Amino acid sequence: MIQRKPKFATLAASLLFLAPLITTAEAPDIQTKGTVIYLADNLNEEAKLGWCIDTQGRGFSDKLHSHSCKPGGGDTQFSFNETSGMIQSVEFKGKCMTLNNPEDTDVPFGLLDCIDGEVTQQFIYDSDSMEFRIATDDSKCVAVAEPIIEAGPFQSRHLIFAPCADLSPGFKQWVIRQ
């Protein structure tokens, strides 16, 4: 007589083994009013505020990172102009996200004067994949780095770019609320 293992037991054992590998996206509770670009996945932001593009430090900075989306908005508010491909600061008029230091793996993006036609300020947003791609190399996506950095009552992460195929969806899927 052939002894068979119950299929259910084998399936259950397989699911228990894979459970740590399966992650579920959790939407953030965006409290910012008005225009904002944020990650679709809360990605472990402890206050559930989500992750927005932000200037480093308080007020204006020419360096960008990702930060907890501040309820008051301000320097975490950016808009996207699909025609020009520019990601523009709402708080600092005439300033655009720029891939000005691509060799810097921690801070490759800056906030510089917007210049029409400047290739380092042009991005492509793919609404199907929810990815911002680098216009000069559409195989690379704007993303957040994995490590979380404490930032007073909030949190931050490096804003990076990397091959889209190498990134998990939660680190590269952005929502644009205009």
C-alpha atoms as a PDB file:
ATOM      1  CA  MET A   1       0.000   0.000   0.000  1.00  0.00           C
ATOM      2  CA  ILE A   2       1.314   3.474  -0.937  1.00  0.00           C
ATOM      3  CA  GLN A   3       1.203   5.985   1.907  1.00  0.00           C
ATOM      4  CA  ARG A   4       0.370   9.532   0.813  1.00  0.00           C
ATOM      5  CA  LYS A   5       0.832  12.685   2.816  1.00  0.00           C
ATOM      6  CA  PRO A   6      -2.277  14.793   2.980  1.00  0.00           C
ATOM      7  CA  LYS A   7      -2.049  17.631   0.457  1.00  0.00           C
ATOM      8  CA  PHE A   8      -3.362  20.111   2.999  1.00  0.00           C
ATOM      9  CA  ALA A   9      -0.526  19.381   5.439  1.00  0.00           C
ATOM     10  CA  THR A  10       2.077  19.843   2.708  1.00  0.00           C
ATOM     11  CA  LEU A  11       0.455  23.122   1.609  1.00  0.00           C
ATOM     12  CA  ALA A  12       0.250  24.388   5.195  1.00  0.00           C
ATOM     13  CA  ALA A  13       3.891  23.560   5.857  1.00  0.00           C
ATOM     14  CA  SER A  14       4.901  25.359   2.641  1.00  0.00           C
ATOM     15  CA  LEU A  15       2.942  28.471   3.571  1.00  0.00           C
ATOM     16  CA  LEU A  16       4.507  28.583   7.034  1.00  0.00           C
ATOM     17  CA  PHE A  17       7.942  28.415   5.458  1.00  0.00           C
ATOM     18  CA  LEU A  18       7.117  31.221   2.981  1.00  0.00           C
ATOM     19  CA  ALA A  19       5.196  33.459   5.406  1.00  0.00           C
ATOM     20  CA  PRO A  20       8.257  35.522   6.437  1.00  0.00           C
ATOM     21  CA  LEU A  21       9.009  36.171   2.755  1.00  0.00           C
ATOM     22  CA  ILE A  22       5.529  37.508   1.953  1.00  0.00           C
ATOM     23  CA  THR A  23       5.019  41.187   2.697  1.00  0.00           C
ATOM     24  CA  THR A  24       1.817  43.117   2.518  1.00  0.00           C
ATOM     25  CA  ALA A  25       1.732  46.749   1.499  1.00  0.00           C
ATOM     26  CA  GLU A  26       0.115  49.080   3.982  1.00  0.00           C
ATOM     27  CA  ALA A  27      -1.198  52.421   2.750  1.00  0.00           C
ATOM     28  CA  PRO A  28      -0.035  55.462   4.718  1.00  0.00           C
ATOM     29  CA  ASP A  29      -2.390  57.918   6.415  1.00  0.00           C
ATOM     30  CA  ILE A  30      -1.377  61.053   4.491  1.00  0.00           C
ATOM     31  CA  GLN A  31      -2.344  64.081   6.579  1.00  0.00           C
ATOM     32  CA  THR A  32      -0.654  66.655   4.367  1.00  0.00           C
ATOM     33  CA  LYS A  33      -3.162  68.985   2.713  1.00  0.00           C
ATOM     34  CA  GLY A  34      -2.746  69.861  -0.967  1.00  0.00           C
ATOM     35  CA  THR A  35      -0.190  68.726  -3.500  1.00  0.00           C
ATOM     36  CA  VAL A  36       2.172  65.952  -2.447  1.00  0.00           C
ATOM     37  CA  ILE A  37       4.173  63.021  -3.878  1.00  0.00           C
ATOM     38  CA  TYR A  38       4.406  60.049  -1.526  1.00  0.00           C
ATOM     39  CA  LEU A  39       5.178  56.321  -1.486  1.00  0.00           C
ATOM     40  CA  ALA A  40       2.098  54.140  -1.912  1.00  0.00           C
ATOM     41  CA  ASP A  41       3.352  51.817   0.863  1.00  0.00           C
ATOM     42  CA  ASN A  42       3.745  53.154   4.406  1.00  0.00           C
ATOM     43  CA  LEU A  43       6.920  51.050   4.484  1.00  0.00           C
ATOM     44  CA  ASN A  44       7.237  50.911   8.290  1.00  0.00           C
ATOM     45  CA  GLU A  45       6.925  54.650   8.950  1.00  0.00           C
ATOM     46  CA  GLU A  46       6.093  54.368  12.652  1.00  0.00           C
ATOM     47  CA  ALA A  47       3.398  57.093  12.819  1.00  0.00           C
ATOM     48  CA  LYS A  48       1.791  55.815   9.553  1.00  0.00           C
ATOM     49  CA  LEU A  49       2.434  59.246   7.955  1.00  0.00           C
ATOM     50  CA  GLY A  50       4.066  57.743   4.845  1.00  0.00           C
ATOM     51  CA  TRP A  51       7.192  58.876   2.981  1.00  0.00           C
ATOM     52  CA  CYS A  52       7.466  62.109   0.967  1.00  0.00           C
ATOM     53  CA  ILE A  53      10.266  63.803  -0.955  1.00  0.00           C
ATOM     54  CA  ASP A  54      11.783  66.390   1.395  1.00  0.00           C
ATOM     55  CA  THR A  55      14.586  68.897   1.783  1.00  0.00           C
ATOM     56  CA  GLN A  56      17.211  67.838   4.324  1.00  0.00           C
ATOM     57  CA  GLY A  57      17.082  69.751   7.592  1.00  0.00           C
ATOM     58  CA  ARG A  58      14.671  72.530   8.424  1.00  0.00           C
ATOM     59  CA  GLY A  59      13.624  74.964   5.728  1.00  0.00           C
ATOM     60  CA  PHE A  60      15.438  75.259   2.423  1.00  0.00           C
ATOM     61  CA  SER A  61      18.268  72.891   1.551  1.00  0.00           C
ATOM     62  CA  ASP A  62      19.839  72.034  -1.777  1.00  0.00           C
ATOM     63  CA  LYS A  63      19.871  68.345  -0.732  1.00  0.00           C
ATOM     64  CA  LEU A  64      16.875  66.007  -0.914  1.00  0.00           C
ATOM     65  CA  HIS A  65      15.925  62.867   0.977  1.00  0.00           C
ATOM     66  CA  SER A  66      12.702  61.108   1.883  1.00  0.00           C
ATOM     67  CA  HIS A  67      10.959  62.018   5.124  1.00  0.00           C
ATOM     68  CA  SER A  68       7.793  61.257   7.042  1.00  0.00           C
ATOM     69  CA  CYS A  69       5.055  63.220   5.267  1.00  0.00           C
ATOM     70  CA  LYS A  70       4.526  66.178   7.575  1.00  0.00           C
ATOM     71  CA  PRO A  71       0.900  66.979   8.444  1.00  0.00           C
ATOM     72  CA  GLY A  72       1.676  70.674   7.889  1.00  0.00           C
ATOM     73  CA  GLY A  73       3.261  70.021   4.484  1.00  0.00           C
ATOM     74  CA  GLY A  74       5.834  72.694   3.731  1.00  0.00           C
ATOM     75  CA  ASP A  75       9.141  71.319   2.476  1.00  0.00           C
ATOM     76  CA  THR A  76       7.655  67.831   1.932  1.00  0.00           C
ATOM     77  CA  GLN A  77       5.318  69.107  -0.785  1.00  0.00           C
ATOM     78  CA  PHE A  78       6.315  68.520  -4.403  1.00  0.00           C
ATOM     79  CA  SER A  79       4.375  68.461  -7.669  1.00  0.00           C
ATOM     80  CA  PHE A  80       5.032  66.758 -10.985  1.00  0.00           C
ATOM     81  CA  ASN A  81       4.746  68.505 -14.354  1.00  0.00           C
ATOM     82  CA  GLU A  82       4.188  65.707 -16.871  1.00  0.00           C
ATOM     83  CA  THR A  83       4.927  67.966 -19.849  1.00  0.00           C
ATOM     84  CA  SER A  84       8.359  69.120 -18.668  1.00  0.00           C
ATOM     85  CA  GLY A  85       9.105  66.017 -16.570  1.00  0.00           C
ATOM     86  CA  MET A  86      10.043  68.241 -13.639  1.00  0.00           C
ATOM     87  CA  ILE A  87       9.394  67.479  -9.981  1.00  0.00           C
ATOM     88  CA  GLN A  88       8.959  70.923  -8.442  1.00  0.00           C
ATOM     89  CA  SER A  89       8.937  72.133  -4.851  1.00  0.00           C
ATOM     90  CA  VAL A  90       5.624  73.678  -3.789  1.00  0.00           C
ATOM     91  CA  GLU A  91       7.230  75.491  -0.855  1.00  0.00           C
ATOM     92  CA  PHE A  92      10.273  76.829  -2.722  1.00  0.00           C
ATOM     93  CA  LYS A  93       9.051  78.287  -6.012  1.00  0.00           C
ATOM     94  CA  GLY A  94      11.332  77.824  -8.997  1.00  0.00           C
ATOM     95  CA  LYS A  95      13.245  74.923  -7.387  1.00  0.00           C
ATOM     96  CA  CYS A  96      13.283  71.433  -8.926  1.00  0.00           C
ATOM     97  CA  MET A  97      14.483  67.983  -7.970  1.00  0.00           C
ATOM     98  CA  THR A  98      17.778  67.418  -9.794  1.00  0.00           C
ATOM     99  CA  LEU A  99      19.955  64.348 -10.220  1.00  0.00           C
ATOM    100  CA  ASN A 100      23.004  66.523  -9.608  1.00  0.00           C
ATOM    101  CA  ASN A 101      25.304  64.066  -7.828  1.00  0.00           C
ATOM    102  CA  PRO A 102      24.679  60.571  -9.270  1.00  0.00           C
ATOM    103  CA  GLU A 103      27.921  59.172  -7.797  1.00  0.00           C
ATOM    104  CA  ASP A 104      26.721  59.900  -4.241  1.00  0.00           C
ATOM    105  CA  THR A 105      24.800  56.767  -3.229  1.00  0.00           C
ATOM    106  CA  ASP A 106      23.235  58.498  -0.193  1.00  0.00           C
ATOM    107  CA  VAL A 107      22.310  61.942  -1.570  1.00  0.00           C
ATOM    108  CA  PRO A 108      22.225  61.921  -5.378  1.00  0.00           C
ATOM    109  CA  PHE A 109      19.322  64.391  -5.624  1.00  0.00           C
ATOM    110  CA  GLY A 110      19.399  68.112  -4.988  1.00  0.00           C
ATOM    111  CA  LEU A 111      16.895  70.963  -5.062  1.00  0.00           C
ATOM    112  CA  LEU A 112      18.196  73.483  -7.590  1.00  0.00           C
ATOM    113  CA  ASP A 113      16.844  76.250  -9.814  1.00  0.00           C
ATOM    114  CA  CYS A 114      14.440  74.830 -12.406  1.00  0.00           C
ATOM    115  CA  ILE A 115      15.912  75.082 -15.918  1.00  0.00           C
ATOM    116  CA  ASP A 116      13.697  74.207 -18.892  1.00  0.00           C
ATOM    117  CA  GLY A 117      15.216  71.352 -20.870  1.00  0.00           C
ATOM    118  CA  GLU A 118      17.788  70.440 -18.182  1.00  0.00           C
ATOM    119  CA  VAL A 119      18.099  66.640 -18.511  1.00  0.00           C
ATOM    120  CA  THR A 120      19.116  66.151 -14.864  1.00  0.00           C
ATOM    121  CA  GLN A 121      15.686  67.577 -13.894  1.00  0.00           C
ATOM    122  CA  GLN A 122      13.587  65.393 -16.189  1.00  0.00           C
ATOM    123  CA  PHE A 123      11.694  62.380 -14.906  1.00  0.00           C
ATOM    124  CA  ILE A 124       9.148  60.030 -16.411  1.00  0.00           C
ATOM    125  CA  TYR A 125       6.184  58.880 -14.340  1.00  0.00           C
ATOM    126  CA  ASP A 126       4.720  55.519 -15.342  1.00  0.00           C
ATOM    127  CA  SER A 127       1.214  55.511 -13.871  1.00  0.00           C
ATOM    128  CA  ASP A 128       0.809  51.748 -14.423  1.00  0.00           C
ATOM    129  CA  SER A 129       3.882  50.783 -12.383  1.00  0.00           C
ATOM    130  CA  MET A 130       3.714  53.974 -10.243  1.00  0.00           C
ATOM    131  CA  GLU A 131       7.431  54.518 -10.844  1.00  0.00           C
ATOM    132  CA  PHE A 132       9.416  57.689 -11.395  1.00  0.00           C
ATOM    133  CA  ARG A 133      12.142  56.855 -13.869  1.00  0.00           C
ATOM    134  CA  ILE A 134      15.259  58.826 -14.696  1.00  0.00           C
ATOM    135  CA  ALA A 135      14.592  60.361 -18.145  1.00  0.00           C
ATOM    136  CA  THR A 136      18.173  59.832 -19.343  1.00  0.00           C
ATOM    137  CA  ASP A 137      18.102  56.158 -18.242  1.00  0.00           C
ATOM    138  CA  ASP A 138      14.565  54.806 -17.917  1.00  0.00           C
ATOM    139  CA  SER A 139      15.861  51.517 -16.484  1.00  0.00           C
ATOM    140  CA  LYS A 140      16.513  53.396 -13.222  1.00  0.00           C
ATOM    141  CA  CYS A 141      13.864  54.439 -10.690  1.00  0.00           C
ATOM    142  CA  VAL A 142      13.617  57.032  -7.948  1.00  0.00           C
ATOM    143  CA  ALA A 143      13.319  55.080  -4.685  1.00  0.00           C
ATOM    144  CA  VAL A 144      13.948  55.194  -0.968  1.00  0.00           C
ATOM    145  CA  ALA A 145      16.758  53.298   0.722  1.00  0.00           C
ATOM    146  CA  GLU A 146      15.936  50.577   3.217  1.00  0.00           C
ATOM    147  CA  PRO A 147      17.480  51.980   6.445  1.00  0.00           C
ATOM    148  CA  ILE A 148      15.250  54.275   8.494  1.00  0.00           C
ATOM    149  CA  ILE A 149      16.934  57.240  10.194  1.00  0.00           C
ATOM    150  CA  GLU A 150      15.371  58.904  13.249  1.00  0.00           C
ATOM    151  CA  ALA A 151      14.642  62.581  12.555  1.00  0.00           C
ATOM    152  CA  GLY A 152      13.266  64.182  15.713  1.00  0.00           C
ATOM    153  CA  PRO A 153       9.576  63.277  15.986  1.00  0.00           C
ATOM    154  CA  PHE A 154       9.707  61.945  12.402  1.00  0.00           C
ATOM    155  CA  GLN A 155      11.811  59.550  10.331  1.00  0.00           C
ATOM    156  CA  SER A 156      13.830  59.817   7.123  1.00  0.00           C
ATOM    157  CA  ARG A 157      15.436  57.621   4.473  1.00  0.00           C
ATOM    158  CA  HIS A 158      17.900  58.357   1.715  1.00  0.00           C
ATOM    159  CA  LEU A 159      16.234  59.209  -1.602  1.00  0.00           C
ATOM    160  CA  ILE A 160      18.116  57.175  -4.179  1.00  0.00           C
ATOM    161  CA  PHE A 161      17.956  55.891  -7.734  1.00  0.00           C
ATOM    162  CA  ALA A 162      18.651  52.300  -8.722  1.00  0.00           C
ATOM    163  CA  PRO A 163      17.793  49.782 -11.438  1.00  0.00           C
ATOM    164  CA  CYS A 164      13.999  49.401 -11.298  1.00  0.00           C
ATOM    165  CA  ALA A 165      14.265  45.628 -11.702  1.00  0.00           C
ATOM    166  CA  ASP A 166      16.347  45.404  -8.504  1.00  0.00           C
ATOM    167  CA  LEU A 167      13.847  47.249  -6.297  1.00  0.00           C
ATOM    168  CA  SER A 168      10.911  45.885  -4.320  1.00  0.00           C
ATOM    169  CA  PRO A 169       7.641  47.668  -5.214  1.00  0.00           C
ATOM    170  CA  GLY A 170       7.228  49.309  -1.803  1.00  0.00           C
ATOM    171  CA  PHE A 171      10.475  51.247  -2.229  1.00  0.00           C
ATOM    172  CA  LYS A 172       9.676  52.704  -5.671  1.00  0.00           C
ATOM    173  CA  GLN A 173       5.890  53.100  -6.119  1.00  0.00           C
ATOM    174  CA  TRP A 174       4.865  56.746  -5.821  1.00  0.00           C
ATOM    175  CA  VAL A 175       1.463  58.424  -5.680  1.00  0.00           C
ATOM    176  CA  ILE A 176       1.058  61.921  -7.092  1.00  0.00           C
ATOM    177  CA  ARG A 177      -1.699  63.976  -5.474  1.00  0.00           C
ATOM    178  CA  GLN A 178      -2.014  67.275  -7.346  1.00  0.00           C
END
